[in-house]
Amino acid sequence: LKYGPAISIVAYFMMTKQMRQDCMGFGISTLNAGRTIPVLTISALDYMYNLRGLKYPSDEYTETRSKIHWRVAKRILWLCKQNGGIYLKSGQYLGSLESMLPKEYTDTLKVLQDKAPSMPLDRLKVVIENDFGETLEQVFSSFDQIPIA
């Protein structure tokens, strides 16, 4: 226990870039789950609590449900932006399901289709170098650092 932190630091710097990213990925996925579970739980409780006792069909039920849809959609948007990766792609997909999901969801999540955050170039370079065994410059004759989609 006395030397644990020092050993951890030395081990970290002895790892390859890809191994470091893998370790960080584990930590990030744990953090993502820690954000996802409360958002989904609060959203489910939002529907259960606020729609309970309302007569269906009624104007009050429809109006309340629409307000809940907006709140939940905003939570999902926040979650997608915070967690990135597959969450972001899922949010983009959900935003395109206009014929299947309520308008509140699709209108809120559409912003992910054009204004999604991009991956930092240094992280992308590590993935390319690990997968191809060559640098970004060796793999591509030209590479635009500003994403188009």
Foldseek 3Di string as FASTA:
>chain_A
DVCVVVVVVVVLVVDDPVVNVVVVVVVLVVVLVVLPVVLVVVLVVQCVVQQPPDDPPDPVNVVSVLVSLLVSLVSLQVSCQVSPDPSLVVLCVQLPPPVPDDPSNNVSSPCSVAPHDDDDPVVVQVVCCVVVVDGPVVVDVDDDPDDPD
